[in-house]
Amino acid sequence: MKVHLKIKRFNPEKDSKSWWGEYDVNVDPTDRVLDALHLVKWYQDGTFNVRRSCAHGVCGSDAVRINGQNRLACKVLIQDIVKNDGDTITVEPILGLPVIKDLIVDMEPFFDHYKSVMPYFVNDEALPADGRERLQNIADRERYDQGTKCILCACCTTSCPSFWLNDDYVGPAAVVQAHRFIFDSRDRAAEERLKILNEQMGVWRCRTAFNCTNACPREIPVTQLIGEVKKALATGEIR
């Protein structure tokens, strides 16, 4: 089958503004959008660039806007796009981050927000007497399980109107990463993270638009997790 790709292009070395490149490619219905982008890159225009790595929905590096929605290009089936939207597929870089070239954005601001919420395990207490790892029961593990699914693709953060308005906002992904450790019964830095998220550009910038939840390719209930962090701040109750 043939599909028509409209790709937003931009090369800072020669372009003063972005422009649309249009390409017809022959694909199989079960190909993914990333496969179609590869055909453009490999056979039609070698100057075109898209970031990708595993191509199996795990690395999160190929997040783009497909027909106006943040998606992982490697997970979206061509046949599903054609069924719902027709045979023209529009692909743009995700919003709110500086464009380096074509579909590649600068992820450093995103990762700076991620690092700001202490997304790592903190426990300076003595190790258990038997020298083994710190254990927790199934219920305690399930308390933060959803947050462990995050692959830092930035689909949620770059679909957020609050982030578009002010990119100093830490964004949904950073809050999800903080949630993962705030509600870990073994961690001892929950109060520090909550203090960070209680600041001006922290969790209260969320306006509960639900864009983040709809955009997440891992089906994490992002808005729910943000709400749980807000509740912890409002009530002072964590566990």
C-alpha atoms as a PDB file:
ATOM      1  CA  MET A   1       0.000   0.000   0.000  1.00  0.00           C
ATOM      2  CA  LYS A   2       1.090   3.587  -0.628  1.00  0.00           C
ATOM      3  CA  VAL A   3       0.991   6.325   1.997  1.00  0.00           C
ATOM      4  CA  HIS A   4       1.792  10.008   1.776  1.00  0.00           C
ATOM      5  CA  LEU A   5       4.095  11.365   4.483  1.00  0.00           C
ATOM      6  CA  LYS A   6       4.153  15.039   5.417  1.00  0.00           C
ATOM      7  CA  ILE A   7       7.226  15.556   7.576  1.00  0.00           C
ATOM      8  CA  LYS A   8       8.090  18.805   9.298  1.00  0.00           C
ATOM      9  CA  ARG A   9      11.676  19.600   8.336  1.00  0.00           C
ATOM     10  CA  PHE A  10      14.177  22.050   9.787  1.00  0.00           C
ATOM     11  CA  ASN A  11      17.930  22.387   9.391  1.00  0.00           C
ATOM     12  CA  PRO A  12      19.300  25.240  11.547  1.00  0.00           C
ATOM     13  CA  GLU A  13      22.378  25.466   9.336  1.00  0.00           C
ATOM     14  CA  LYS A  14      20.361  26.700   6.360  1.00  0.00           C
ATOM     15  CA  ASP A  15      16.682  27.153   7.263  1.00  0.00           C
ATOM     16  CA  SER A  16      15.226  30.285   8.824  1.00  0.00           C
ATOM     17  CA  LYS A  17      11.997  28.443   9.593  1.00  0.00           C
ATOM     18  CA  SER A  18      10.549  24.951   9.362  1.00  0.00           C
ATOM     19  CA  TRP A  19       8.998  23.586   6.176  1.00  0.00           C
ATOM     20  CA  TRP A  20       7.059  20.525   5.068  1.00  0.00           C
ATOM     21  CA  GLY A  21       8.704  17.711   3.150  1.00  0.00           C
ATOM     22  CA  GLU A  22       6.272  15.418   1.325  1.00  0.00           C
ATOM     23  CA  TYR A  23       7.061  11.835   0.349  1.00  0.00           C
ATOM     24  CA  ASP A  24       5.156   8.874  -1.075  1.00  0.00           C
ATOM     25  CA  VAL A  25       6.312   5.484   0.195  1.00  0.00           C
ATOM     26  CA  ASN A  26       5.192   1.913  -0.390  1.00  0.00           C
ATOM     27  CA  VAL A  27       4.677   0.023   2.859  1.00  0.00           C
ATOM     28  CA  ASP A  28       3.042  -3.098   4.221  1.00  0.00           C
ATOM     29  CA  PRO A  29      -0.082  -2.557   6.351  1.00  0.00           C
ATOM     30  CA  THR A  30       1.710  -4.050   9.360  1.00  0.00           C
ATOM     31  CA  ASP A  31       4.695  -1.731   9.029  1.00  0.00           C
ATOM     32  CA  ARG A  32       5.105   0.946  11.671  1.00  0.00           C
ATOM     33  CA  VAL A  33       5.435   4.667  11.075  1.00  0.00           C
ATOM     34  CA  LEU A  34       9.132   4.330  11.897  1.00  0.00           C
ATOM     35  CA  ASP A  35       9.489   1.898   8.979  1.00  0.00           C
ATOM     36  CA  ALA A  36       8.021   4.524   6.652  1.00  0.00           C
ATOM     37  CA  LEU A  37      10.403   7.155   8.020  1.00  0.00           C
ATOM     38  CA  HIS A  38      13.295   4.775   7.393  1.00  0.00           C
ATOM     39  CA  LEU A  39      12.221   4.433   3.756  1.00  0.00           C
ATOM     40  CA  VAL A  40      12.377   8.205   3.387  1.00  0.00           C
ATOM     41  CA  LYS A  41      15.786   8.387   5.061  1.00  0.00           C
ATOM     42  CA  TRP A  42      17.344   5.434   3.235  1.00  0.00           C
ATOM     43  CA  TYR A  43      15.874   5.747  -0.260  1.00  0.00           C
ATOM     44  CA  GLN A  44      14.533   9.264  -0.856  1.00  0.00           C
ATOM     45  CA  ASP A  45      16.322  11.902   1.206  1.00  0.00           C
ATOM     46  CA  GLY A  46      19.435  11.082   3.203  1.00  0.00           C
ATOM     47  CA  THR A  47      19.445  14.560   4.749  1.00  0.00           C
ATOM     48  CA  PHE A  48      16.297  13.736   6.734  1.00  0.00           C
ATOM     49  CA  ASN A  49      16.858  12.859  10.398  1.00  0.00           C
ATOM     50  CA  VAL A  50      14.864  11.094  13.099  1.00  0.00           C
ATOM     51  CA  ARG A  51      16.133   9.805  16.433  1.00  0.00           C
ATOM     52  CA  ARG A  52      15.569   6.106  17.089  1.00  0.00           C
ATOM     53  CA  SER A  53      17.297   3.152  18.708  1.00  0.00           C
ATOM     54  CA  CYS A  54      15.615  -0.128  19.693  1.00  0.00           C
ATOM     55  CA  ALA A  55      12.566   0.231  17.393  1.00  0.00           C
ATOM     56  CA  HIS A  56      10.561  -1.937  19.814  1.00  0.00           C
ATOM     57  CA  GLY A  57       8.905   0.585  22.129  1.00  0.00           C
ATOM     58  CA  VAL A  58      11.415   0.215  24.943  1.00  0.00           C
ATOM     59  CA  CYS A  59      14.031   2.952  24.528  1.00  0.00           C
ATOM     60  CA  GLY A  60      11.548   5.800  24.011  1.00  0.00           C
ATOM     61  CA  SER A  61      13.867   7.698  21.684  1.00  0.00           C
ATOM     62  CA  ASP A  62      11.538   7.997  18.671  1.00  0.00           C
ATOM     63  CA  ALA A  63       8.757  10.072  20.246  1.00  0.00           C
ATOM     64  CA  VAL A  64       7.154  12.313  17.601  1.00  0.00           C
ATOM     65  CA  ARG A  65       3.785  13.908  16.844  1.00  0.00           C
ATOM     66  CA  ILE A  66       1.833  11.719  14.438  1.00  0.00           C
ATOM     67  CA  ASN A  67      -1.300  13.368  13.050  1.00  0.00           C
ATOM     68  CA  GLY A  68      -1.225  15.768  15.985  1.00  0.00           C
ATOM     69  CA  GLN A  69      -0.729  13.222  18.772  1.00  0.00           C
ATOM     70  CA  ASN A  70       2.435  12.299  20.649  1.00  0.00           C
ATOM     71  CA  ARG A  71       3.338   8.705  19.841  1.00  0.00           C
ATOM     72  CA  LEU A  72       6.318   6.389  19.526  1.00  0.00           C
ATOM     73  CA  ALA A  73       6.885   6.002  15.790  1.00  0.00           C
ATOM     74  CA  CYS A  74       7.945   2.372  16.279  1.00  0.00           C
ATOM     75  CA  LYS A  75       4.632   1.399  17.896  1.00  0.00           C
ATOM     76  CA  VAL A  76       2.087   2.951  15.533  1.00  0.00           C
ATOM     77  CA  LEU A  77       0.833   0.604  12.814  1.00  0.00           C
ATOM     78  CA  ILE A  78       0.383   2.081   9.345  1.00  0.00           C
ATOM     79  CA  GLN A  79      -2.905   0.200   8.922  1.00  0.00           C
ATOM     80  CA  ASP A  80      -4.333   1.792  12.070  1.00  0.00           C
ATOM     81  CA  ILE A  81      -3.421   5.289  10.908  1.00  0.00           C
ATOM     82  CA  VAL A  82      -4.920   4.698   7.453  1.00  0.00           C
ATOM     83  CA  LYS A  83      -8.097   3.219   8.946  1.00  0.00           C
ATOM     84  CA  ASN A  84      -8.669   6.181  11.250  1.00  0.00           C
ATOM     85  CA  ASP A  85      -7.173   9.132   9.362  1.00  0.00           C
ATOM     86  CA  GLY A  86      -6.643   8.174   5.723  1.00  0.00           C
ATOM     87  CA  ASP A  87      -3.421   7.628   3.801  1.00  0.00           C
ATOM     88  CA  THR A  88      -1.775  10.978   4.598  1.00  0.00           C
ATOM     89  CA  ILE A  89       0.416  10.802   7.697  1.00  0.00           C
ATOM     90  CA  THR A  90       1.738  14.003   9.255  1.00  0.00           C
ATOM     91  CA  VAL A  91       4.869  13.691  11.395  1.00  0.00           C
ATOM     92  CA  GLU A  92       6.310  16.536  13.487  1.00  0.00           C
ATOM     93  CA  PRO A  93       8.789  16.880  16.352  1.00  0.00           C
ATOM     94  CA  ILE A  94       7.320  16.822  19.848  1.00  0.00           C
ATOM     95  CA  LEU A  95       6.456  20.284  21.173  1.00  0.00           C
ATOM     96  CA  GLY A  96       8.072  22.389  23.865  1.00  0.00           C
ATOM     97  CA  LEU A  97      11.698  21.327  23.333  1.00  0.00           C
ATOM     98  CA  PRO A  98      14.227  22.996  20.985  1.00  0.00           C
ATOM     99  CA  VAL A  99      14.456  21.372  17.559  1.00  0.00           C
ATOM    100  CA  ILE A 100      17.986  20.268  16.674  1.00  0.00           C
ATOM    101  CA  LYS A 101      17.119  19.027  13.185  1.00  0.00           C
ATOM    102  CA  ASP A 102      13.941  17.716  11.564  1.00  0.00           C
ATOM    103  CA  LEU A 103      12.278  15.357  14.083  1.00  0.00           C
ATOM    104  CA  ILE A 104      15.168  15.434  16.564  1.00  0.00           C
ATOM    105  CA  VAL A 105      14.709  17.650  19.615  1.00  0.00           C
ATOM    106  CA  ASP A 106      17.115  18.643  22.374  1.00  0.00           C
ATOM    107  CA  MET A 107      16.217  16.420  25.330  1.00  0.00           C
ATOM    108  CA  GLU A 108      18.570  18.118  27.797  1.00  0.00           C
ATOM    109  CA  PRO A 109      15.908  20.454  29.297  1.00  0.00           C
ATOM    110  CA  PHE A 110      13.667  17.417  29.811  1.00  0.00           C
ATOM    111  CA  PHE A 111      16.410  15.438  31.539  1.00  0.00           C
ATOM    112  CA  ASP A 112      17.378  18.455  33.656  1.00  0.00           C
ATOM    113  CA  HIS A 113      13.842  18.451  35.078  1.00  0.00           C
ATOM    114  CA  TYR A 114      14.061  14.694  35.554  1.00  0.00           C
ATOM    115  CA  LYS A 115      17.310  14.971  37.517  1.00  0.00           C
ATOM    116  CA  SER A 116      15.952  17.805  39.665  1.00  0.00           C
ATOM    117  CA  VAL A 117      13.470  15.548  41.505  1.00  0.00           C
ATOM    118  CA  MET A 118      16.073  13.094  42.849  1.00  0.00           C
ATOM    119  CA  PRO A 119      15.011  10.105  40.697  1.00  0.00           C
ATOM    120  CA  TYR A 120      17.100   7.570  42.569  1.00  0.00           C
ATOM    121  CA  PHE A 121      16.916   5.402  45.673  1.00  0.00           C
ATOM    122  CA  VAL A 122      18.032   7.028  48.944  1.00  0.00           C
ATOM    123  CA  ASN A 123      18.542   5.048  52.139  1.00  0.00           C
ATOM    124  CA  ASP A 124      21.573   5.596  54.355  1.00  0.00           C
ATOM    125  CA  GLU A 125      20.413   3.239  57.081  1.00  0.00           C
ATOM    126  CA  ALA A 126      22.491   0.187  57.948  1.00  0.00           C
ATOM    127  CA  LEU A 127      21.991  -2.802  55.706  1.00  0.00           C
ATOM    128  CA  PRO A 128      19.870  -5.679  57.045  1.00  0.00           C
ATOM    129  CA  ALA A 129      21.752  -7.919  59.473  1.00  0.00           C
ATOM    130  CA  ASP A 130      21.775 -10.796  57.011  1.00  0.00           C
ATOM    131  CA  GLY A 131      23.500  -8.582  54.435  1.00  0.00           C
ATOM    132  CA  ARG A 132      20.812  -9.136  51.844  1.00  0.00           C
ATOM    133  CA  GLU A 133      18.768  -6.549  49.965  1.00  0.00           C
ATOM    134  CA  ARG A 134      16.088  -4.467  51.651  1.00  0.00           C
ATOM    135  CA  LEU A 135      12.878  -6.424  51.226  1.00  0.00           C
ATOM    136  CA  GLN A 136       9.297  -5.221  50.887  1.00  0.00           C
ATOM    137  CA  ASN A 137       5.976  -6.982  50.601  1.00  0.00           C
ATOM    138  CA  ILE A 138       3.870  -7.258  47.456  1.00  0.00           C
ATOM    139  CA  ALA A 139       1.475  -4.482  48.480  1.00  0.00           C
ATOM    140  CA  ASP A 140       4.337  -2.055  49.119  1.00  0.00           C
ATOM    141  CA  ARG A 141       5.818  -2.919  45.724  1.00  0.00           C
ATOM    142  CA  GLU A 142       2.504  -2.411  43.954  1.00  0.00           C
ATOM    143  CA  ARG A 143       2.156   1.044  45.535  1.00  0.00           C
ATOM    144  CA  TYR A 144       4.634   2.546  43.064  1.00  0.00           C
ATOM    145  CA  ASP A 145       4.557  -0.071  40.308  1.00  0.00           C
ATOM    146  CA  GLN A 146       3.006   2.158  37.642  1.00  0.00           C
ATOM    147  CA  GLY A 147       5.853   4.663  37.822  1.00  0.00           C
ATOM    148  CA  THR A 148       8.450   1.994  37.122  1.00  0.00           C
ATOM    149  CA  LYS A 149       7.060   1.557  33.597  1.00  0.00           C
ATOM    150  CA  CYS A 150       8.211   5.017  32.479  1.00  0.00           C
ATOM    151  CA  ILE A 151      10.782   4.971  29.643  1.00  0.00           C
ATOM    152  CA  LEU A 152      11.465   8.739  29.661  1.00  0.00           C
ATOM    153  CA  CYS A 153      10.243   9.225  26.100  1.00  0.00           C
ATOM    154  CA  ALA A 154       8.848  12.697  26.968  1.00  0.00           C
ATOM    155  CA  CYS A 155       5.508  12.008  25.269  1.00  0.00           C
ATOM    156  CA  CYS A 156       3.644  13.090  28.398  1.00  0.00           C
ATOM    157  CA  THR A 157       5.633  16.213  29.213  1.00  0.00           C
ATOM    158  CA  THR A 158       5.603  17.529  25.650  1.00  0.00           C
ATOM    159  CA  SER A 159       1.837  17.032  25.381  1.00  0.00           C
ATOM    160  CA  CYS A 160       1.232  19.161  28.492  1.00  0.00           C
ATOM    161  CA  PRO A 161      -0.275  22.661  27.971  1.00  0.00           C
ATOM    162  CA  SER A 162       1.312  23.859  31.215  1.00  0.00           C
ATOM    163  CA  PHE A 163       4.742  22.830  29.903  1.00  0.00           C
ATOM    164  CA  TRP A 164       4.076  24.519  26.557  1.00  0.00           C
ATOM    165  CA  LEU A 165       3.199  27.705  28.434  1.00  0.00           C
ATOM    166  CA  ASN A 166       6.238  27.607  30.720  1.00  0.00           C
ATOM    167  CA  ASP A 167       9.032  25.108  30.142  1.00  0.00           C
ATOM    168  CA  ASP A 168      10.389  25.757  33.633  1.00  0.00           C
ATOM    169  CA  TYR A 169       7.590  23.488  34.887  1.00  0.00           C
ATOM    170  CA  VAL A 170       9.144  20.138  35.818  1.00  0.00           C
ATOM    171  CA  GLY A 171       6.501  18.339  33.782  1.00  0.00           C
ATOM    172  CA  PRO A 172       4.540  15.098  34.166  1.00  0.00           C
ATOM    173  CA  ALA A 173       7.449  12.714  33.548  1.00  0.00           C
ATOM    174  CA  ALA A 174       9.512  14.209  36.365  1.00  0.00           C
ATOM    175  CA  VAL A 175       6.561  13.954  38.753  1.00  0.00           C
ATOM    176  CA  VAL A 176       6.023  10.305  37.776  1.00  0.00           C
ATOM    177  CA  GLN A 177       9.694   9.577  38.460  1.00  0.00           C
ATOM    178  CA  ALA A 178       9.476  11.311  41.833  1.00  0.00           C
ATOM    179  CA  HIS A 179       6.299   9.360  42.652  1.00  0.00           C
ATOM    180  CA  ARG A 180       8.140   6.090  42.046  1.00  0.00           C
ATOM    181  CA  PHE A 181      10.505   6.845  44.944  1.00  0.00           C
ATOM    182  CA  ILE A 182       8.227   8.936  47.177  1.00  0.00           C
ATOM    183  CA  PHE A 183       5.954   5.921  47.646  1.00  0.00           C
ATOM    184  CA  ASP A 184       8.717   3.308  47.893  1.00  0.00           C
ATOM    185  CA  SER A 185       8.577   2.054  51.499  1.00  0.00           C
ATOM    186  CA  ARG A 186      12.354   1.484  51.505  1.00  0.00           C
ATOM    187  CA  ASP A 187      13.289   5.025  50.458  1.00  0.00           C
ATOM    188  CA  ARG A 188      14.085   7.775  52.954  1.00  0.00           C
ATOM    189  CA  ALA A 189      14.036  10.959  50.828  1.00  0.00           C
ATOM    190  CA  ALA A 190      10.310  11.381  50.188  1.00  0.00           C
ATOM    191  CA  GLU A 191      10.112  14.642  52.131  1.00  0.00           C
ATOM    192  CA  GLU A 192      12.967  16.144  50.123  1.00  0.00           C
ATOM    193  CA  ARG A 193      11.288  15.277  46.842  1.00  0.00           C
ATOM    194  CA  LEU A 194       7.950  16.622  48.016  1.00  0.00           C
ATOM    195  CA  LYS A 195       9.636  19.862  49.004  1.00  0.00           C
ATOM    196  CA  ILE A 196      11.059  20.177  45.486  1.00  0.00           C
ATOM    197  CA  LEU A 197       7.668  19.469  43.917  1.00  0.00           C
ATOM    198  CA  ASN A 198       5.961  21.976  46.210  1.00  0.00           C
ATOM    199  CA  GLU A 199       7.957  24.827  44.690  1.00  0.00           C
ATOM    200  CA  GLN A 200       6.589  27.300  42.149  1.00  0.00           C
ATOM    201  CA  MET A 201       7.456  25.206  39.093  1.00  0.00           C
ATOM    202  CA  GLY A 202       6.555  21.927  40.752  1.00  0.00           C
ATOM    203  CA  VAL A 203       3.472  19.744  40.786  1.00  0.00           C
ATOM    204  CA  TRP A 204       0.954  22.552  41.324  1.00  0.00           C
ATOM    205  CA  ARG A 205       1.553  23.756  37.755  1.00  0.00           C
ATOM    206  CA  CYS A 206      -0.474  20.723  36.646  1.00  0.00           C
ATOM    207  CA  ARG A 207      -3.975  21.746  35.528  1.00  0.00           C
ATOM    208  CA  THR A 208      -5.281  18.177  35.142  1.00  0.00           C
ATOM    209  CA  ALA A 209      -5.727  18.339  31.363  1.00  0.00           C
ATOM    210  CA  PHE A 210      -5.173  14.554  31.047  1.00  0.00           C
ATOM    211  CA  ASN A 211      -3.093  15.060  27.863  1.00  0.00           C
ATOM    212  CA  CYS A 212      -0.217  13.294  29.583  1.00  0.00           C
ATOM    213  CA  THR A 213      -2.232  10.179  30.369  1.00  0.00           C
ATOM    214  CA  ASN A 214      -3.589   9.987  26.834  1.00  0.00           C
ATOM    215  CA  ALA A 215      -0.095  10.383  25.347  1.00  0.00           C
ATOM    216  CA  CYS A 216       1.719   7.766  27.437  1.00  0.00           C
ATOM    217  CA  PRO A 217       2.748   4.784  25.264  1.00  0.00           C
ATOM    218  CA  ARG A 218       3.153   2.643  28.394  1.00  0.00           C
ATOM    219  CA  GLU A 219      -0.418   3.336  29.545  1.00  0.00           C
ATOM    220  CA  ILE A 220       0.720   4.823  32.840  1.00  0.00           C
ATOM    221  CA  PRO A 221      -2.120   6.716  34.597  1.00  0.00           C
ATOM    222  CA  VAL A 222       0.059   9.823  34.724  1.00  0.00           C
ATOM    223  CA  THR A 223      -2.640  12.221  35.910  1.00  0.00           C
ATOM    224  CA  GLN A 224      -3.548   9.845  38.746  1.00  0.00           C
ATOM    225  CA  LEU A 225       0.064   9.656  39.937  1.00  0.00           C
ATOM    226  CA  ILE A 226       0.362  13.439  39.823  1.00  0.00           C
ATOM    227  CA  GLY A 227      -2.822  13.643  41.891  1.00  0.00           C
ATOM    228  CA  GLU A 228      -1.361  11.264  44.474  1.00  0.00           C
ATOM    229  CA  VAL A 229       1.686  13.497  44.847  1.00  0.00           C
ATOM    230  CA  LYS A 230      -0.578  16.528  45.267  1.00  0.00           C
ATOM    231  CA  LYS A 231      -2.555  14.649  47.923  1.00  0.00           C
ATOM    232  CA  ALA A 232       0.632  13.733  49.783  1.00  0.00           C
ATOM    233  CA  LEU A 233       1.604  17.402  49.841  1.00  0.00           C
ATOM    234  CA  ALA A 234      -1.850  18.510  50.971  1.00  0.00           C
ATOM    235  CA  THR A 235      -2.291  15.899  53.710  1.00  0.00           C
ATOM    236  CA  GLY A 236       1.281  15.167  54.744  1.00  0.00           C
ATOM    237  CA  GLU A 237       0.518  11.455  54.393  1.00  0.00           C
ATOM    238  CA  ILE A 238       2.848   9.382  52.235  1.00  0.00           C
ATOM    239  CA  ARG A 239       2.505   5.706  53.084  1.00  0.00           C
END
